Amino acid sequence: MFSEISELETIREQKSRLSARERELTTPVLSDVGFISTIYEWFKDREKSRRLLFEDREKFVFIILRLYSIESLAGGRIANGVREAIAQVLGLKSHNSVSNFSRKLAFRYKNYRDFRKDVDFLYGEIENRLKYFQKENNRI
């Protein structure tokens, strides 16, 4: 009987540690969805294009989800307002298409080295711009 009590205590401790770690991992880098349009402009500047190709859009959506709603890349819900903001900047008629679009992104990131390499590079550039912007404007 004591072993069951001990095992139960161990399980509760593990669940507590896992819950704390999950909270850390799911804390968004950004919360102001109004800033998504600025990030989109930065992204377009980087890609030197008025209109992004499909794969570029996937990279952009992945980066936005990483910044605003990382849990959605692990099968969770996209944070409130993020789908709509992405749909708006990409000129999509329906924000539901963002959900459909985003379902395969974690798979692509995990399994396609070139996609992952490009996303990591672009994310680093966006992250640097965010740090600079935050320093200059005392916000975000």
C-alpha atoms as a PDB file:
ATOM      1  CA  MET A   1       0.000   0.000   0.000  1.00  0.00           C
ATOM      2  CA  PHE A   2       2.851   2.400   0.784  1.00  0.00           C
ATOM      3  CA  SER A   3       4.302   1.921  -2.703  1.00  0.00           C
ATOM      4  CA  GLU A   4       0.998   3.076  -4.239  1.00  0.00           C
ATOM      5  CA  ILE A   5       0.978   6.180  -2.047  1.00  0.00           C
ATOM      6  CA  SER A   6       4.600   6.888  -2.962  1.00  0.00           C
ATOM      7  CA  GLU A   7       3.866   6.362  -6.659  1.00  0.00           C
ATOM      8  CA  LEU A   8       0.883   8.723  -6.445  1.00  0.00           C
ATOM      9  CA  GLU A   9       3.062  11.405  -4.828  1.00  0.00           C
ATOM     10  CA  THR A  10       5.660  10.968  -7.576  1.00  0.00           C
ATOM     11  CA  ILE A  11       2.999  11.260 -10.281  1.00  0.00           C
ATOM     12  CA  ARG A  12       1.615  14.449  -8.738  1.00  0.00           C
ATOM     13  CA  GLU A  13       5.092  15.974  -8.534  1.00  0.00           C
ATOM     14  CA  GLN A  14       5.756  15.095 -12.174  1.00  0.00           C
ATOM     15  CA  LYS A  15       2.404  16.541 -13.260  1.00  0.00           C
ATOM     16  CA  SER A  16       3.172  19.746 -11.388  1.00  0.00           C
ATOM     17  CA  ARG A  17       6.608  20.070 -13.035  1.00  0.00           C
ATOM     18  CA  LEU A  18       5.148  19.277 -16.464  1.00  0.00           C
ATOM     19  CA  SER A  19       2.367  21.838 -16.015  1.00  0.00           C
ATOM     20  CA  ALA A  20       4.874  24.506 -15.029  1.00  0.00           C
ATOM     21  CA  ARG A  21       7.050  23.671 -18.045  1.00  0.00           C
ATOM     22  CA  GLU A  22       4.018  23.709 -20.342  1.00  0.00           C
ATOM     23  CA  ARG A  23       3.117  27.193 -19.097  1.00  0.00           C
ATOM     24  CA  GLU A  24       6.671  28.351 -19.835  1.00  0.00           C
ATOM     25  CA  LEU A  25       6.650  26.881 -23.336  1.00  0.00           C
ATOM     26  CA  THR A  26       3.214  28.194 -24.273  1.00  0.00           C
ATOM     27  CA  THR A  27       3.793  31.762 -23.120  1.00  0.00           C
ATOM     28  CA  PRO A  28       3.649  33.819 -26.327  1.00  0.00           C
ATOM     29  CA  VAL A  29       6.530  36.062 -27.325  1.00  0.00           C
ATOM     30  CA  LEU A  30       4.020  38.681 -28.526  1.00  0.00           C
ATOM     31  CA  SER A  31       0.390  39.384 -27.720  1.00  0.00           C
ATOM     32  CA  ASP A  32      -0.518  42.546 -29.664  1.00  0.00           C
ATOM     33  CA  VAL A  33      -2.005  41.124 -32.885  1.00  0.00           C
ATOM     34  CA  GLY A  34      -1.972  44.594 -34.390  1.00  0.00           C
ATOM     35  CA  PHE A  35       1.759  44.135 -34.799  1.00  0.00           C
ATOM     36  CA  ILE A  36       1.309  41.221 -37.238  1.00  0.00           C
ATOM     37  CA  SER A  37       0.937  43.630 -40.162  1.00  0.00           C
ATOM     38  CA  THR A  38       4.309  45.210 -39.300  1.00  0.00           C
ATOM     39  CA  ILE A  39       5.945  41.797 -39.161  1.00  0.00           C
ATOM     40  CA  TYR A  40       4.363  41.003 -42.525  1.00  0.00           C
ATOM     41  CA  GLU A  41       5.930  44.140 -44.014  1.00  0.00           C
ATOM     42  CA  TRP A  42       9.307  43.152 -42.582  1.00  0.00           C
ATOM     43  CA  PHE A  43       8.849  39.688 -44.020  1.00  0.00           C
ATOM     44  CA  LYS A  44       7.952  41.050 -47.454  1.00  0.00           C
ATOM     45  CA  ASP A  45      10.963  43.404 -47.327  1.00  0.00           C
ATOM     46  CA  ARG A  46      13.170  40.428 -46.609  1.00  0.00           C
ATOM     47  CA  GLU A  47      11.675  38.418 -49.452  1.00  0.00           C
ATOM     48  CA  LYS A  48      11.817  41.502 -51.713  1.00  0.00           C
ATOM     49  CA  SER A  49       8.410  40.787 -53.151  1.00  0.00           C
ATOM     50  CA  ARG A  50       4.996  42.411 -53.250  1.00  0.00           C
ATOM     51  CA  ARG A  51       3.242  39.072 -53.213  1.00  0.00           C
ATOM     52  CA  LEU A  52       4.581  36.077 -51.347  1.00  0.00           C
ATOM     53  CA  LEU A  53       4.738  32.641 -52.901  1.00  0.00           C
ATOM     54  CA  PHE A  54       2.777  29.843 -51.221  1.00  0.00           C
ATOM     55  CA  GLU A  55       5.834  28.469 -49.407  1.00  0.00           C
ATOM     56  CA  ASP A  56       6.772  31.980 -48.256  1.00  0.00           C
ATOM     57  CA  ARG A  57       3.276  32.355 -46.829  1.00  0.00           C
ATOM     58  CA  GLU A  58       3.726  29.072 -44.977  1.00  0.00           C
ATOM     59  CA  LYS A  59       6.974  30.346 -43.487  1.00  0.00           C
ATOM     60  CA  PHE A  60       5.311  33.609 -42.478  1.00  0.00           C
ATOM     61  CA  VAL A  61       2.380  31.811 -40.827  1.00  0.00           C
ATOM     62  CA  PHE A  62       4.743  29.471 -38.996  1.00  0.00           C
ATOM     63  CA  ILE A  63       6.721  32.418 -37.630  1.00  0.00           C
ATOM     64  CA  ILE A  64       3.569  34.258 -36.543  1.00  0.00           C
ATOM     65  CA  LEU A  65       2.254  31.140 -34.814  1.00  0.00           C
ATOM     66  CA  ARG A  66       5.626  30.709 -33.117  1.00  0.00           C
ATOM     67  CA  LEU A  67       5.495  34.289 -31.854  1.00  0.00           C
ATOM     68  CA  TYR A  68       1.820  34.456 -30.876  1.00  0.00           C
ATOM     69  CA  SER A  69       0.516  30.924 -30.424  1.00  0.00           C
ATOM     70  CA  ILE A  70       3.230  28.282 -30.212  1.00  0.00           C
ATOM     71  CA  GLU A  71       0.824  25.746 -28.732  1.00  0.00           C
ATOM     72  CA  SER A  72      -1.073  25.731 -32.032  1.00  0.00           C
ATOM     73  CA  LEU A  73       2.032  24.245 -33.670  1.00  0.00           C
ATOM     74  CA  ALA A  74       1.754  21.358 -31.213  1.00  0.00           C
ATOM     75  CA  GLY A  75      -1.905  20.645 -31.975  1.00  0.00           C
ATOM     76  CA  GLY A  76      -3.538  23.273 -29.750  1.00  0.00           C
ATOM     77  CA  ARG A  77      -5.861  26.133 -30.637  1.00  0.00           C
ATOM     78  CA  ILE A  78      -4.635  29.270 -32.366  1.00  0.00           C
ATOM     79  CA  ALA A  79      -4.796  32.153 -29.890  1.00  0.00           C
ATOM     80  CA  ASN A  80      -7.752  34.520 -30.170  1.00  0.00           C
ATOM     81  CA  GLY A  81      -7.409  37.148 -32.870  1.00  0.00           C
ATOM     82  CA  VAL A  82      -4.313  35.636 -34.477  1.00  0.00           C
ATOM     83  CA  ARG A  83      -6.154  33.741 -37.237  1.00  0.00           C
ATOM     84  CA  GLU A  84      -8.101  36.825 -38.211  1.00  0.00           C
ATOM     85  CA  ALA A  85      -4.986  39.021 -38.252  1.00  0.00           C
ATOM     86  CA  ILE A  86      -3.077  36.524 -40.406  1.00  0.00           C
ATOM     87  CA  ALA A  87      -6.007  36.211 -42.814  1.00  0.00           C
ATOM     88  CA  GLN A  88      -6.239  39.984 -43.081  1.00  0.00           C
ATOM     89  CA  VAL A  89      -2.565  40.605 -43.909  1.00  0.00           C
ATOM     90  CA  LEU A  90      -2.464  37.707 -46.370  1.00  0.00           C
ATOM     91  CA  GLY A  91      -5.671  38.879 -48.038  1.00  0.00           C
ATOM     92  CA  LEU A  92      -7.545  35.646 -47.365  1.00  0.00           C
ATOM     93  CA  LYS A  93     -11.318  35.747 -47.555  1.00  0.00           C
ATOM     94  CA  SER A  94     -11.815  33.339 -44.673  1.00  0.00           C
ATOM     95  CA  HIS A  95      -9.868  33.056 -41.457  1.00  0.00           C
ATOM     96  CA  ASN A  96     -10.763  29.338 -41.433  1.00  0.00           C
ATOM     97  CA  SER A  97      -8.296  28.878 -44.259  1.00  0.00           C
ATOM     98  CA  VAL A  98      -5.536  29.920 -41.831  1.00  0.00           C
ATOM     99  CA  SER A  99      -6.427  26.949 -39.618  1.00  0.00           C
ATOM    100  CA  ASN A 100      -6.389  24.583 -42.580  1.00  0.00           C
ATOM    101  CA  PHE A 101      -3.142  26.120 -43.795  1.00  0.00           C
ATOM    102  CA  SER A 102      -1.438  25.849 -40.418  1.00  0.00           C
ATOM    103  CA  ARG A 103      -2.206  22.195 -39.657  1.00  0.00           C
ATOM    104  CA  LYS A 104       0.721  20.899 -41.694  1.00  0.00           C
ATOM    105  CA  LEU A 105       3.317  23.493 -40.693  1.00  0.00           C
ATOM    106  CA  ALA A 106       4.794  21.668 -37.698  1.00  0.00           C
ATOM    107  CA  PHE A 107       5.134  18.549 -39.866  1.00  0.00           C
ATOM    108  CA  ARG A 108       6.892  20.514 -42.611  1.00  0.00           C
ATOM    109  CA  TYR A 109       9.191  22.174 -40.075  1.00  0.00           C
ATOM    110  CA  LYS A 110      10.095  18.869 -38.455  1.00  0.00           C
ATOM    111  CA  ASN A 111      10.555  16.862 -41.651  1.00  0.00           C
ATOM    112  CA  TYR A 112      11.881  19.248 -44.303  1.00  0.00           C
ATOM    113  CA  ARG A 113      15.367  20.528 -43.570  1.00  0.00           C
ATOM    114  CA  ASP A 114      15.293  23.362 -46.128  1.00  0.00           C
ATOM    115  CA  PHE A 115      11.968  24.640 -44.816  1.00  0.00           C
ATOM    116  CA  ARG A 116      13.281  24.485 -41.228  1.00  0.00           C
ATOM    117  CA  LYS A 117      16.525  26.213 -42.177  1.00  0.00           C
ATOM    118  CA  ASP A 118      14.681  29.061 -43.923  1.00  0.00           C
ATOM    119  CA  VAL A 119      12.189  29.469 -41.069  1.00  0.00           C
ATOM    120  CA  ASP A 120      14.953  29.516 -38.463  1.00  0.00           C
ATOM    121  CA  PHE A 121      16.874  32.130 -40.422  1.00  0.00           C
ATOM    122  CA  LEU A 122      13.794  34.321 -41.000  1.00  0.00           C
ATOM    123  CA  TYR A 123      12.679  33.926 -37.395  1.00  0.00           C
ATOM    124  CA  GLY A 124      16.109  35.095 -36.236  1.00  0.00           C
ATOM    125  CA  GLU A 125      15.862  38.173 -38.445  1.00  0.00           C
ATOM    126  CA  ILE A 126      12.348  38.977 -37.215  1.00  0.00           C
ATOM    127  CA  GLU A 127      13.485  38.446 -33.637  1.00  0.00           C
ATOM    128  CA  ASN A 128      16.373  40.891 -34.144  1.00  0.00           C
ATOM    129  CA  ARG A 129      14.027  43.492 -35.620  1.00  0.00           C
ATOM    130  CA  LEU A 130      11.642  43.022 -32.700  1.00  0.00           C
ATOM    131  CA  LYS A 131      14.476  43.598 -30.220  1.00  0.00           C
ATOM    132  CA  TYR A 132      15.574  46.716 -32.082  1.00  0.00           C
ATOM    133  CA  PHE A 133      11.986  47.965 -32.360  1.00  0.00           C
ATOM    134  CA  GLN A 134      11.398  47.336 -28.676  1.00  0.00           C
ATOM    135  CA  LYS A 135      14.588  49.159 -27.726  1.00  0.00           C
ATOM    136  CA  GLU A 136      13.767  52.139 -29.963  1.00  0.00           C
ATOM    137  CA  ASN A 137      10.104  52.410 -29.041  1.00  0.00           C
ATOM    138  CA  ASN A 138       9.991  51.021 -25.520  1.00  0.00           C
ATOM    139  CA  ARG A 139       7.162  48.645 -26.368  1.00  0.00           C
ATOM    140  CA  ILE A 140       6.053  45.140 -27.344  1.00  0.00           C
END
